Amino acid sequence: MQSLSEFINKTMQQWKVPGLAIAIVKDNEIIFCEGFGKRDVEQDLKVTPKTLFAIASCTKAFTTMTMGILADRGKLDWDKPVRNYLPTFKLYDSYATEHITPRDLVTHRSGLPRHDAMWYKSSFTRQEIFERLQYLEPTHELRTVFQYQNLMYMTAGYLVGQIADSSWEEFVQQEIFNFLEMRDSNFSVVKSQETNDFALPYQEKDDEVKKIPFCNIDVISPAGSINSNVTDMAQWLLLHLNQGKYGEKQIISSTNLSQMHFPQIVISQPLEYNEIFHNFYGLGWQVTAYRGHNFLEHGGNIDGFSALTTFLPQNNIGMVILTNMDKTPLPRIVTYYVCDRLLGLEEVHWNERIKEKVAQTKEAAAKEKEQIASERKTGTQPSHSLKDYIGDFEHPGYGKLSIEFKDNHLTATYNSIVYELEHYHYDIFQLKSEFVDKPQMISFFTDTKGNITNLSVPLEPTFKDIVFTRMPDKGMTQISFLAQFVGEYEFSGKIIKISLKDNRLVASLPGQSDSELVGYRETEFNLKDLPKNTIKFIRDPNGIFTQALITQPNTLITQPNSVFTATKK
């Protein structure tokens, strides 16, 4: 394996990857297990076979195996509705809500695009994310298109925990890690940093490799939070190559293991290389053929780490490659190199091919930036004073986005990430942050009264912009503020009753059901169920609220809105 070591060291330098670990298994034996480079560049600490890396989405196959184990025990049916197990489960689409199955959750065919911005660096709990799924719009119907979806994997793990009456983490630990003697593997980068052999995350930016912060993704753990080393992961590969058996223990039936390895949905993309067949997705594995050989794999990428787990069942070959570099293609390059050698095939120069592809991608990104810059309308200004844009904006699924004014410019904070807003043109600003790889715009919108009420951000690249609605100023939700308006108001012999219910202001209008009042501006409120109906409370010269100005839209275009003044009794 000397030439393999030489190849790895050489390509690591070319791709500026600090550290890499690799394990190769063949014919039920570990034939290679080594570390290369540095797990900590600054401290000059070397990678070992025991060094912990984030395996990211290679975690997904652990989630599907837990489901297979439950299926073996008769506790889960791959093809019965999820609502049979989770009655409160709800998606945006009612048909999908009623019909989506555990199999659908883990084959990326839910109809939902990624919606990754909703959970990335979010403070939501797993339960809160689960409850917010109903507000995330799909782009396709159930089971029609492959769309990679981390949130559905989180849901699958949540399902496992509920069925097992524990948690996904506990189930994986007890039913997989313990039996495979994966003693070093864990579920959180927090836990990894408590050990004495873990890799730091790195990223290349502007031709310089820098250490970056760990990204904690515990909240969607079943989609990608496992940290492991190649020594442990080699046991995982052996389990798959040995039909679900480890030693004398049958951890998962060969029937359910084959379900994991069997194509479930086509990944619609054109053939790019002659050596690689069309891609399909199984249950936690991507299924294809490499140079005529059945080939199962799953990659993993999270801030500062890239991983790839691969096995060729008919050839009894498997390998795992872990690196501490963000979005590097090196694991794939090394994987193909090893496959060519072990299969006795003439080597394909994948390194050169992928270098060319990466260069083309960078060129396309540069052209996109140039195009966006050329489309900017010069000489424009925002329609309002910058301070008028300040406020909290909310989406029922994505949560809160806050606009603030600091150091004479606007900033946007979403999921703990702070962006500077640079004016682009009109009421559109460009988001500036280390987390933004390509230009993104935030657009502000005004209502007919000229007030800024909404903003939109392209948080889901494959879908329309996500629209956030301005929340009332915090002062408008305080009980002491709302209590000033409580009472009965009279106009034309009719009574409007304003009361507090569950710390919210409610209006009882003649002939209508009660409606919650949602703060708009200052002392003006919109009726939640009738948003174009407004009530504005008016002070007398002594500062006491004695009147309510009620506006109701007229249904006839030719007639103006109806405005009534009610006096407090």
Protein backbone atom coordinates (compact mmCIF):
# COMPACT_ATOMS: atom_id res chain seq x y z
CA MET A 1 0.00 0.00 0.00
CA GLN A 2 3.00 2.30 -0.28
CA SER A 3 1.75 3.79 -3.56
CA LEU A 4 -1.63 4.50 -1.92
CA SER A 5 0.05 6.40 0.90
CA GLU A 6 2.08 8.35 -1.62
CA PHE A 7 -1.04 9.15 -3.65
CA ILE A 8 -2.93 10.34 -0.56
CA ASN A 9 -0.07 12.55 0.65
CA LYS A 10 0.33 14.07 -2.81
CA THR A 11 -3.35 14.78 -3.42
CA MET A 12 -3.84 16.11 0.12
CA GLN A 13 -1.24 18.77 -0.64
CA GLN A 14 -2.87 19.63 -3.96
CA TRP A 15 -6.30 20.09 -2.33
CA LYS A 16 -4.83 21.73 0.81
CA VAL A 17 -6.49 19.19 3.10
CA PRO A 18 -4.94 19.28 6.60
CA GLY A 19 -5.89 15.77 7.72
CA LEU A 20 -7.34 12.52 6.39
CA ALA A 21 -8.05 9.06 7.77
CA ILE A 22 -8.92 6.00 5.72
CA ALA A 23 -9.94 2.41 6.41
CA ILE A 24 -10.32 -0.25 3.73
CA VAL A 25 -11.96 -3.64 4.27
CA LYS A 26 -11.85 -6.61 1.91
CA ASP A 27 -13.05 -10.16 2.34
CA ASN A 28 -14.16 -9.46 5.92
CA GLU A 29 -10.79 -8.09 6.98
CA ILE A 30 -9.41 -4.60 7.57
CA ILE A 31 -6.54 -4.40 5.09
CA PHE A 32 -5.63 -0.73 5.55
CA CYS A 33 -6.31 1.71 8.39
CA GLU A 34 -4.20 4.84 8.66
CA GLY A 35 -4.18 8.54 9.36
CA PHE A 36 -2.48 11.22 7.29
CA GLY A 37 -1.64 14.86 7.92
CA LYS A 38 -2.73 16.99 10.85
CA ARG A 39 -5.82 16.93 13.00
CA ASP A 40 -4.63 20.23 14.52
CA VAL A 41 -2.31 22.27 12.32
CA GLU A 42 -1.41 24.92 14.89
CA GLN A 43 -0.49 22.35 17.56
CA ASP A 44 1.13 20.03 14.98
CA LEU A 45 -1.00 17.08 16.09
CA LYS A 46 -1.17 14.14 13.69
CA VAL A 47 -4.23 12.24 12.48
CA THR A 48 -4.41 8.67 13.77
CA PRO A 49 -6.86 5.83 13.01
CA LYS A 50 -8.53 6.84 16.27
CA THR A 51 -8.97 10.54 15.42
CA LEU A 52 -12.60 11.63 15.57
CA PHE A 53 -14.10 13.43 12.58
CA ALA A 54 -17.66 14.51 11.85
CA ILE A 55 -19.11 11.97 9.41
CA ALA A 56 -22.06 14.31 8.68
CA SER A 57 -24.64 12.74 6.34
CA CYS A 58 -22.94 9.34 6.47
CA THR A 59 -25.06 9.28 9.65
CA LYS A 60 -28.20 8.72 7.58
CA ALA A 61 -27.56 5.02 7.07
CA PHE A 62 -27.43 4.58 10.85
CA THR A 63 -30.91 6.09 11.02
CA THR A 64 -32.30 3.75 8.38
CA MET A 65 -30.70 0.79 10.14
CA THR A 66 -32.48 1.69 13.38
CA MET A 67 -35.72 1.69 11.40
CA GLY A 68 -34.85 -1.69 9.90
CA ILE A 69 -34.20 -3.10 13.37
CA LEU A 70 -37.61 -1.86 14.52
CA ALA A 71 -39.16 -3.39 11.38
CA ASP A 72 -37.52 -6.72 12.27
CA ARG A 73 -39.24 -6.52 15.65
CA GLY A 74 -42.63 -5.78 14.12
CA LYS A 75 -42.74 -2.29 15.59
CA LEU A 76 -42.47 -0.37 12.32
CA ASP A 77 -43.82 -0.93 8.84
CA TRP A 78 -41.88 0.86 6.12
CA ASP A 79 -45.04 1.47 4.11
CA LYS A 80 -47.69 2.49 6.63
CA PRO A 81 -48.42 6.20 7.13
CA VAL A 82 -46.16 8.06 9.53
CA ARG A 83 -49.29 9.34 11.28
CA ASN A 84 -49.95 5.78 12.47
CA TYR A 85 -46.95 6.28 14.74
CA LEU A 86 -46.88 10.08 15.11
CA PRO A 87 -50.51 11.32 15.16
CA THR A 88 -49.45 14.99 15.41
CA PHE A 89 -47.21 14.81 12.33
CA LYS A 90 -48.26 17.43 9.81
CA LEU A 91 -46.88 18.74 6.53
CA TYR A 92 -47.92 21.73 4.43
CA ASP A 93 -49.67 19.45 1.94
CA SER A 94 -52.63 17.58 3.42
CA TYR A 95 -52.30 14.58 1.07
CA ALA A 96 -48.64 14.16 1.99
CA THR A 97 -49.53 14.47 5.67
CA GLU A 98 -51.93 11.53 5.47
CA HIS A 99 -49.96 9.29 3.10
CA ILE A 100 -46.24 9.80 3.66
CA THR A 101 -44.57 6.67 5.03
CA PRO A 102 -41.33 5.94 6.93
CA ARG A 103 -39.86 4.78 3.61
CA ASP A 104 -40.72 8.15 2.05
CA LEU A 105 -39.04 10.02 4.90
CA VAL A 106 -35.67 8.43 4.20
CA THR A 107 -35.70 8.29 0.39
CA HIS A 108 -35.89 12.06 -0.18
CA ARG A 109 -39.23 11.88 -1.98
CA SER A 110 -41.40 13.88 0.43
CA GLY A 111 -41.94 16.68 -2.11
CA LEU A 112 -40.05 19.15 0.07
CA PRO A 113 -36.89 20.92 -1.07
CA ARG A 114 -34.02 21.11 1.42
CA HIS A 115 -35.18 24.07 3.56
CA ASP A 116 -31.80 23.72 5.31
CA ALA A 117 -31.64 27.37 6.37
CA MET A 118 -34.55 26.68 8.70
CA TRP A 119 -32.44 24.43 10.98
CA TYR A 120 -28.83 25.47 10.30
CA LYS A 121 -27.44 27.18 13.44
CA SER A 122 -31.01 27.43 14.74
CA SER A 123 -31.95 27.57 18.41
CA PHE A 124 -35.06 25.45 17.77
CA THR A 125 -35.44 22.17 19.62
CA ARG A 126 -36.11 18.98 17.68
CA GLN A 127 -39.71 19.09 18.87
CA GLU A 128 -40.09 22.70 17.67
CA ILE A 129 -38.73 21.83 14.23
CA PHE A 130 -41.08 18.86 14.06
CA GLU A 131 -44.03 21.16 14.83
CA ARG A 132 -42.93 23.72 12.21
CA LEU A 133 -42.73 21.26 9.31
CA GLN A 134 -46.34 22.08 8.44
CA TYR A 135 -45.31 25.59 7.36
CA LEU A 136 -42.59 24.52 4.88
CA GLU A 137 -43.91 24.53 1.34
CA PRO A 138 -43.19 21.63 -1.02
CA THR A 139 -42.07 22.04 -4.61
CA HIS A 140 -43.38 18.69 -5.88
CA GLU A 141 -45.99 16.12 -5.01
CA LEU A 142 -45.22 13.19 -2.75
CA ARG A 143 -43.10 10.41 -4.35
CA THR A 144 -42.59 12.18 -7.67
CA VAL A 145 -39.07 13.63 -7.45
CA PHE A 146 -35.84 13.02 -5.52
CA GLN A 147 -35.04 16.09 -3.41
CA TYR A 148 -32.41 15.74 -0.69
CA GLN A 149 -34.10 16.50 2.63
CA ASN A 150 -32.40 16.56 6.03
CA LEU A 151 -35.54 17.49 7.97
CA MET A 152 -37.30 14.29 6.95
CA TYR A 153 -34.34 12.32 8.31
CA MET A 154 -34.62 14.26 11.54
CA THR A 155 -38.29 13.26 11.58
CA ALA A 156 -37.35 9.62 10.94
CA GLY A 157 -35.03 9.71 13.95
CA TYR A 158 -37.73 11.36 16.03
CA LEU A 159 -40.04 8.54 14.94
CA VAL A 160 -37.50 5.92 16.04
CA GLY A 161 -37.23 7.53 19.46
CA GLN A 162 -40.99 7.63 19.90
CA ILE A 163 -41.49 3.98 18.88
CA ALA A 164 -38.57 2.80 21.04
CA ASP A 165 -39.72 4.92 23.97
CA SER A 166 -36.26 6.48 24.25
CA SER A 167 -34.35 8.68 21.80
CA TRP A 168 -32.69 8.09 18.46
CA GLU A 169 -29.28 8.60 20.07
CA GLU A 170 -29.93 6.04 22.79
CA PHE A 171 -31.24 3.52 20.29
CA VAL A 172 -28.19 3.85 18.00
CA GLN A 173 -25.87 3.57 20.99
CA GLN A 174 -27.54 0.45 22.38
CA GLU A 175 -28.42 -1.36 19.16
CA ILE A 176 -25.50 -0.45 16.86
CA PHE A 177 -22.51 1.20 18.54
CA ASN A 178 -22.37 -1.20 21.49
CA PHE A 179 -22.71 -4.37 19.40
CA LEU A 180 -20.14 -3.18 16.83
CA GLU A 181 -17.77 -2.08 19.60
CA MET A 182 -17.73 1.45 18.15
CA ARG A 183 -16.45 2.73 21.48
CA ASP A 184 -15.24 6.14 20.35
CA SER A 185 -18.23 7.23 18.24
CA ASN A 186 -20.62 9.87 19.57
CA PHE A 187 -23.46 12.19 18.56
CA SER A 188 -22.17 15.70 19.21
CA VAL A 189 -19.10 17.79 18.41
CA VAL A 190 -19.33 18.92 22.03
CA LYS A 191 -18.61 15.33 23.11
CA SER A 192 -15.79 14.98 20.56
CA GLN A 193 -13.97 17.97 22.02
CA GLU A 194 -13.93 16.29 25.42
CA THR A 195 -11.70 13.50 24.05
CA ASN A 196 -7.94 13.56 23.49
CA ASP A 197 -7.96 12.69 19.77
CA PHE A 198 -10.27 14.77 17.59
CA ALA A 199 -9.80 16.74 14.37
CA LEU A 200 -10.38 20.47 14.13
CA PRO A 201 -12.49 21.78 11.24
CA TYR A 202 -10.84 23.74 8.41
CA GLN A 203 -11.94 25.69 5.38
CA GLU A 204 -10.17 27.13 2.36
CA LYS A 205 -11.08 30.70 1.51
CA ASP A 206 -9.21 33.07 -0.78
CA ASP A 207 -6.48 30.41 -1.23
CA GLU A 208 -5.84 30.25 2.51
CA VAL A 209 -6.71 27.36 4.83
CA LYS A 210 -8.18 28.53 8.12
CA LYS A 211 -9.56 26.83 11.20
CA ILE A 212 -13.30 27.47 11.60
CA PRO A 213 -15.72 26.90 14.50
CA PHE A 214 -17.38 23.53 15.02
CA CYS A 215 -21.00 23.44 13.87
CA ASN A 216 -23.32 21.84 16.39
CA ILE A 217 -26.15 20.05 14.60
CA ASP A 218 -27.46 18.02 17.54
CA VAL A 219 -30.98 19.26 16.80
CA ILE A 220 -31.15 17.27 13.54
CA SER A 221 -28.82 14.56 14.81
CA PRO A 222 -30.44 11.67 12.83
CA ALA A 223 -29.57 13.49 9.59
CA GLY A 224 -25.90 13.99 10.27
CA SER A 225 -24.43 14.51 13.75
CA ILE A 226 -22.39 11.33 14.32
CA ASN A 227 -18.67 11.73 14.93
CA SER A 228 -16.47 8.70 14.47
CA ASN A 229 -13.06 7.43 13.46
CA VAL A 230 -12.01 5.01 10.74
CA THR A 231 -11.34 2.24 13.27
CA ASP A 232 -15.00 2.31 14.36
CA MET A 233 -16.36 2.89 10.88
CA ALA A 234 -14.53 -0.16 9.55
CA GLN A 235 -16.76 -2.28 11.81
CA TRP A 236 -19.80 -0.54 10.31
CA LEU A 237 -18.62 -1.49 6.82
CA LEU A 238 -18.03 -5.09 7.83
CA LEU A 239 -21.59 -5.28 9.16
CA HIS A 240 -22.99 -4.25 5.76
CA LEU A 241 -20.72 -6.62 3.86
CA ASN A 242 -21.62 -9.52 6.18
CA GLN A 243 -25.39 -9.38 5.57
CA GLY A 244 -26.18 -7.57 8.83
CA LYS A 245 -24.22 -9.95 11.05
CA TYR A 246 -21.37 -9.00 13.37
CA GLY A 247 -19.60 -11.88 15.06
CA GLU A 248 -22.35 -14.19 16.25
CA LYS A 249 -24.94 -11.39 16.48
CA GLN A 250 -27.47 -10.73 13.69
CA ILE A 251 -27.98 -7.01 14.29
CA ILE A 252 -30.40 -6.53 11.39
CA SER A 253 -32.03 -9.15 9.18
CA SER A 254 -30.57 -9.66 5.73
CA THR A 255 -34.03 -8.84 4.38
CA ASN A 256 -34.14 -5.37 5.88
CA LEU A 257 -30.47 -4.77 5.14
CA SER A 258 -31.15 -5.51 1.47
CA GLN A 259 -33.99 -2.95 1.63
CA MET A 260 -31.37 -0.37 2.59
CA HIS A 261 -29.17 -1.35 -0.35
CA PHE A 262 -31.92 -1.59 -2.95
CA PRO A 263 -32.76 1.40 -5.22
CA GLN A 264 -35.94 3.17 -4.09
CA ILE A 265 -36.02 6.27 -6.30
CA VAL A 266 -34.15 7.59 -9.32
CA ILE A 267 -31.87 10.58 -8.82
CA SER A 268 -32.62 12.46 -12.02
CA GLN A 269 -29.35 13.74 -13.39
CA PRO A 270 -27.53 13.18 -16.68
CA LEU A 271 -24.64 10.75 -16.96
CA GLU A 272 -21.43 12.71 -16.49
CA TYR A 273 -18.76 10.04 -16.76
CA ASN A 274 -18.72 6.76 -18.69
CA GLU A 275 -17.45 4.91 -15.62
CA ILE A 276 -20.46 5.78 -13.43
CA PHE A 277 -24.01 4.57 -14.08
CA HIS A 278 -27.26 6.36 -13.24
CA ASN A 279 -27.73 7.14 -9.56
CA PHE A 280 -30.53 5.89 -7.33
CA TYR A 281 -31.24 6.34 -3.65
CA GLY A 282 -31.85 3.41 -1.35
CA LEU A 283 -32.49 3.74 2.37
CA GLY A 284 -29.63 5.90 3.55
CA TRP A 285 -27.36 4.89 0.66
CA GLN A 286 -26.83 6.14 -2.85
CA VAL A 287 -26.83 3.23 -5.30
CA THR A 288 -25.04 3.16 -8.65
CA ALA A 289 -22.44 1.16 -10.58
CA TYR A 290 -18.77 2.00 -10.85
CA ARG A 291 -17.15 0.57 -13.98
CA GLY A 292 -19.73 -2.22 -14.02
CA HIS A 293 -19.57 -3.03 -10.29
CA ASN A 294 -22.45 -2.51 -7.84
CA PHE A 295 -21.44 0.54 -5.83
CA LEU A 296 -23.09 1.95 -2.69
CA GLU A 297 -21.97 5.18 -1.09
CA HIS A 298 -22.97 8.14 1.00
CA GLY A 299 -21.10 11.38 1.40
CA GLY A 300 -21.11 13.74 4.34
CA ASN A 301 -20.38 17.46 4.53
CA ILE A 302 -20.69 19.84 7.45
CA ASP A 303 -18.65 22.92 8.37
CA GLY A 304 -14.99 21.93 8.18
CA PHE A 305 -15.46 18.21 7.47
CA SER A 306 -16.00 16.02 4.39
CA ALA A 307 -16.52 12.27 4.47
CA LEU A 308 -17.38 9.39 2.17
CA THR A 309 -18.44 5.83 3.06
CA THR A 310 -18.46 3.30 0.22
CA PHE A 311 -18.81 -0.41 -0.37
CA LEU A 312 -19.02 -2.81 -3.31
CA PRO A 313 -21.13 -5.77 -2.07
CA GLN A 314 -20.37 -8.21 -4.88
CA ASN A 315 -16.63 -7.60 -4.51
CA ASN A 316 -16.67 -7.62 -0.71
CA ILE A 317 -14.85 -4.28 -0.64
CA GLY A 318 -15.58 -1.28 1.54
CA MET A 319 -13.86 1.92 2.60
CA VAL A 320 -14.41 5.05 4.63
CA ILE A 321 -12.51 8.31 4.19
CA LEU A 322 -12.77 11.15 6.71
CA THR A 323 -11.22 14.61 6.32
CA ASN A 324 -11.17 17.87 8.24
CA MET A 325 -11.63 20.14 5.24
CA ASP A 326 -14.85 21.84 4.17
CA LYS A 327 -16.42 20.64 0.90
CA THR A 328 -13.33 18.91 -0.46
CA PRO A 329 -13.65 16.36 -3.29
CA LEU A 330 -10.61 14.47 -1.97
CA PRO A 331 -12.58 11.57 -0.37
CA ARG A 332 -14.14 10.78 -3.75
CA ILE A 333 -10.84 11.03 -5.60
CA VAL A 334 -9.15 8.63 -3.17
CA THR A 335 -12.16 6.27 -3.22
CA TYR A 336 -12.08 5.88 -6.99
CA TYR A 337 -8.30 5.42 -6.90
CA VAL A 338 -8.62 2.57 -4.39
CA CYS A 339 -11.46 0.97 -6.35
CA ASP A 340 -9.42 0.96 -9.55
CA ARG A 341 -6.55 -0.77 -7.78
CA LEU A 342 -8.56 -3.35 -5.86
CA LEU A 343 -10.68 -4.21 -8.90
CA GLY A 344 -7.56 -4.62 -11.04
CA LEU A 345 -8.65 -1.94 -13.49
CA GLU A 346 -6.62 0.59 -15.39
CA GLU A 347 -6.44 3.76 -13.34
CA VAL A 348 -8.75 6.62 -14.30
CA HIS A 349 -7.19 10.02 -13.61
CA TRP A 350 -10.01 11.27 -11.40
CA ASN A 351 -7.88 13.92 -9.73
CA GLU A 352 -7.32 15.78 -12.99
CA ARG A 353 -10.96 15.38 -14.05
CA ILE A 354 -12.32 16.76 -10.79
CA LYS A 355 -9.79 19.60 -10.74
CA GLU A 356 -11.12 20.68 -14.11
CA LYS A 357 -14.72 20.45 -12.90
CA VAL A 358 -13.99 22.52 -9.77
CA ALA A 359 -12.28 25.15 -11.92
CA GLN A 360 -15.35 25.33 -14.15
CA THR A 361 -17.60 25.72 -11.10
CA LYS A 362 -15.48 28.59 -9.77
CA GLU A 363 -15.55 30.28 -13.17
CA ALA A 364 -19.34 29.99 -13.33
CA ALA A 365 -19.65 31.48 -9.83
CA ALA A 366 -17.45 34.42 -10.80
CA LYS A 367 -19.60 35.06 -13.88
CA GLU A 368 -22.74 34.95 -11.74
CA LYS A 369 -21.29 37.64 -9.45
CA GLU A 370 -20.44 39.77 -12.47
CA GLN A 371 -23.96 39.40 -13.84
CA ILE A 372 -25.57 40.39 -10.54
CA ALA A 373 -23.29 43.43 -10.33
CA SER A 374 -24.22 44.44 -13.89
CA GLU A 375 -27.95 44.23 -13.14
CA ARG A 376 -27.73 46.78 -10.34
CA LYS A 377 -29.65 50.01 -10.99
CA THR A 378 -27.31 52.84 -10.15
CA GLY A 379 -28.30 56.12 -8.54
CA THR A 380 -31.16 54.68 -6.46
CA GLN A 381 -31.85 55.03 -2.75
CA PRO A 382 -33.93 53.17 -0.16
CA SER A 383 -37.51 54.45 -0.01
CA HIS A 384 -37.29 55.00 3.77
CA SER A 385 -34.86 56.16 6.37
CA LEU A 386 -32.68 53.19 7.32
CA LYS A 387 -34.10 53.17 10.83
CA ASP A 388 -37.56 52.49 9.40
CA TYR A 389 -36.36 49.03 8.35
CA ILE A 390 -35.53 48.06 11.92
CA GLY A 391 -37.71 45.35 13.45
CA ASP A 392 -38.35 41.64 13.94
CA PHE A 393 -39.83 39.71 11.03
CA GLU A 394 -41.30 36.22 11.33
CA HIS A 395 -42.13 33.18 9.20
CA PRO A 396 -44.17 30.40 10.86
CA GLY A 397 -41.69 27.75 9.74
CA TYR A 398 -38.38 29.57 9.52
CA GLY A 399 -38.82 31.60 12.69
CA LYS A 400 -37.52 35.10 13.38
CA LEU A 401 -35.24 37.38 11.37
CA SER A 402 -34.18 40.65 13.01
CA ILE A 403 -33.12 43.86 11.30
CA GLU A 404 -30.97 46.24 13.35
CA PHE A 405 -29.13 49.51 12.77
CA LYS A 406 -25.49 49.46 13.86
CA ASP A 407 -22.56 51.71 12.99
CA ASN A 408 -24.62 53.60 10.44
CA HIS A 409 -25.69 50.53 8.47
CA LEU A 410 -28.29 47.79 8.63
CA THR A 411 -27.65 44.23 9.77
CA ALA A 412 -29.82 41.12 9.57
CA THR A 413 -29.62 38.36 12.16
CA TYR A 414 -31.07 34.96 11.41
CA ASN A 415 -30.36 31.76 13.36
CA SER A 416 -27.41 33.42 15.16
CA ILE A 417 -25.76 34.43 11.87
CA VAL A 418 -25.26 38.19 11.47
CA TYR A 419 -25.24 39.64 7.95
CA GLU A 420 -24.30 43.15 6.92
CA LEU A 421 -26.77 44.71 4.51
CA GLU A 422 -25.25 46.60 1.63
CA HIS A 423 -27.67 48.66 -0.42
CA TYR A 424 -28.06 47.17 -3.90
CA HIS A 425 -30.89 49.21 -5.41
CA TYR A 426 -34.30 50.55 -4.35
CA ASP A 427 -35.50 48.52 -1.32
CA ILE A 428 -33.18 45.62 -2.03
CA PHE A 429 -30.01 44.96 -0.05
CA GLN A 430 -27.22 42.45 -0.52
CA LEU A 431 -26.40 40.08 2.34
CA LYS A 432 -22.73 40.08 3.32
CA SER A 433 -21.34 37.33 5.55
CA GLU A 434 -18.67 34.62 5.68
CA PHE A 435 -21.54 32.14 5.39
CA VAL A 436 -22.70 33.54 2.02
CA ASP A 437 -20.82 31.89 -0.87
CA LYS A 438 -22.68 33.68 -3.64
CA PRO A 439 -24.65 36.95 -3.79
CA GLN A 440 -27.99 36.88 -1.96
CA MET A 441 -30.55 39.66 -1.77
CA ILE A 442 -33.05 40.69 0.87
CA SER A 443 -36.08 42.62 -0.40
CA PHE A 444 -38.33 44.87 1.70
CA PHE A 445 -41.99 45.57 0.90
CA THR A 446 -44.42 48.28 1.98
CA ASP A 447 -48.18 48.25 2.42
CA THR A 448 -50.60 50.83 1.02
CA LYS A 449 -49.91 53.05 4.01
CA GLY A 450 -46.26 53.24 3.08
CA ASN A 451 -45.04 51.20 6.05
CA ILE A 452 -42.53 48.36 5.71
CA THR A 453 -44.45 45.19 6.54
CA ASN A 454 -42.61 42.28 4.88
CA LEU A 455 -39.26 41.13 3.64
CA SER A 456 -38.20 38.19 1.52
CA VAL A 457 -34.95 36.24 1.40
CA PRO A 458 -33.89 33.39 -0.96
CA LEU A 459 -33.17 30.98 1.89
CA GLU A 460 -34.25 27.99 -0.21
CA PRO A 461 -32.32 28.20 -3.53
CA THR A 462 -34.67 25.87 -5.44
CA PHE A 463 -37.87 27.64 -4.41
CA LYS A 464 -39.41 31.08 -4.23
CA ASP A 465 -38.11 33.53 -1.65
CA ILE A 466 -39.17 32.95 1.93
CA VAL A 467 -41.43 35.80 3.09
CA PHE A 468 -41.18 37.10 6.65
CA THR A 469 -43.91 39.33 8.13
CA ARG A 470 -43.09 42.21 10.44
CA MET A 471 -43.86 41.45 14.06
CA PRO A 472 -45.41 44.10 16.32
CA ASP A 473 -42.97 46.14 18.34
CA LYS A 474 -42.23 44.29 21.57
CA GLY A 475 -43.95 47.00 23.56
CA MET A 476 -47.23 46.26 21.75
CA THR A 477 -47.36 42.76 23.26
CA GLN A 478 -46.84 43.78 26.88
CA ILE A 479 -49.84 43.29 29.14
CA SER A 480 -49.46 46.74 30.69
CA PHE A 481 -49.72 48.28 27.22
CA LEU A 482 -52.66 46.14 26.07
CA ALA A 483 -54.60 46.67 29.28
CA GLN A 484 -55.07 50.37 28.43
CA PHE A 485 -57.49 49.46 25.61
CA VAL A 486 -59.73 47.03 27.53
CA GLY A 487 -63.34 48.15 27.79
CA GLU A 488 -66.59 48.69 25.90
CA TYR A 489 -66.79 51.12 22.99
CA GLU A 490 -70.08 52.39 21.56
CA PHE A 491 -71.06 53.70 18.15
CA SER A 492 -74.58 54.10 16.74
CA GLY A 493 -76.02 52.15 19.67
CA LYS A 494 -73.75 49.17 19.05
CA ILE A 495 -71.13 47.89 21.47
CA ILE A 496 -67.61 46.74 20.68
CA LYS A 497 -65.96 44.90 23.52
CA ILE A 498 -62.17 44.84 23.85
CA SER A 499 -60.84 42.30 26.35
CA LEU A 500 -57.70 40.38 27.32
CA LYS A 501 -57.75 36.63 26.83
CA ASP A 502 -54.63 34.51 27.38
CA ASN A 503 -52.58 37.73 27.44
CA ARG A 504 -53.85 38.72 24.00
CA LEU A 505 -56.16 41.53 23.00
CA VAL A 506 -59.48 40.35 21.56
CA ALA A 507 -62.26 42.33 19.87
CA SER A 508 -65.93 41.32 19.98
CA LEU A 509 -67.68 43.08 17.11
CA PRO A 510 -71.45 43.09 16.58
CA GLY A 511 -72.52 40.17 14.38
CA GLN A 512 -69.00 38.73 14.16
CA SER A 513 -67.04 36.10 16.06
CA ASP A 514 -64.30 37.22 18.40
CA SER A 515 -61.05 38.15 16.67
CA GLU A 516 -57.56 38.57 18.07
CA LEU A 517 -56.00 41.99 17.57
CA VAL A 518 -52.49 41.89 16.10
CA GLY A 519 -50.27 44.90 16.65
CA TYR A 520 -49.54 46.98 13.55
CA ARG A 521 -47.97 50.31 14.58
CA GLU A 522 -48.13 52.44 17.70
CA THR A 523 -51.77 52.04 18.85
CA GLU A 524 -53.19 50.52 15.66
CA PHE A 525 -54.12 46.83 15.42
CA ASN A 526 -55.25 44.49 12.64
CA LEU A 527 -57.93 41.87 13.18
CA LYS A 528 -56.13 38.55 12.81
CA ASP A 529 -58.99 36.83 10.97
CA LEU A 530 -59.85 39.98 8.97
CA PRO A 531 -56.42 41.59 8.36
CA LYS A 532 -57.81 44.52 6.33
CA ASN A 533 -60.02 45.50 9.25
CA THR A 534 -58.18 47.74 11.70
CA ILE A 535 -58.79 49.35 15.08
CA LYS A 536 -56.77 52.37 16.14
CA PHE A 537 -57.10 53.59 19.72
CA ILE A 538 -57.13 57.37 20.21
CA ARG A 539 -56.00 59.30 23.30
CA ASP A 540 -57.79 62.35 24.69
CA PRO A 541 -55.83 65.51 25.67
CA ASN A 542 -55.08 63.91 29.05
CA GLY A 543 -53.40 60.88 27.42
CA ILE A 544 -56.22 58.48 28.22
CA PHE A 545 -57.56 56.19 25.50
CA THR A 546 -61.20 57.14 25.01
CA GLN A 547 -61.94 56.29 21.36
CA ALA A 548 -61.45 53.50 18.86
CA LEU A 549 -61.21 54.30 15.14
CA ILE A 550 -62.53 51.28 13.24
CA THR A 551 -61.79 50.80 9.53
CA GLN A 552 -63.60 48.17 7.48
CA PRO A 553 -62.91 47.65 3.76
CA ASN A 554 -65.86 48.07 1.43
CA THR A 555 -66.43 45.11 -0.87
CA LEU A 556 -67.35 47.43 -3.75
CA ILE A 557 -64.41 48.87 -5.66
CA THR A 558 -66.30 52.13 -6.22
CA GLN A 559 -66.92 52.70 -2.51
CA PRO A 560 -64.33 53.91 0.01
CA ASN A 561 -63.55 52.06 3.21
CA SER A 562 -66.01 52.50 6.05
CA VAL A 563 -64.56 54.32 9.06
CA PHE A 564 -66.35 54.48 12.42
CA THR A 565 -65.44 56.18 15.65
CA ALA A 566 -66.50 54.35 18.80
CA THR A 567 -66.39 56.04 22.20
CA LYS A 568 -65.30 54.23 25.33
CA LYS A 569 -68.08 53.88 27.89
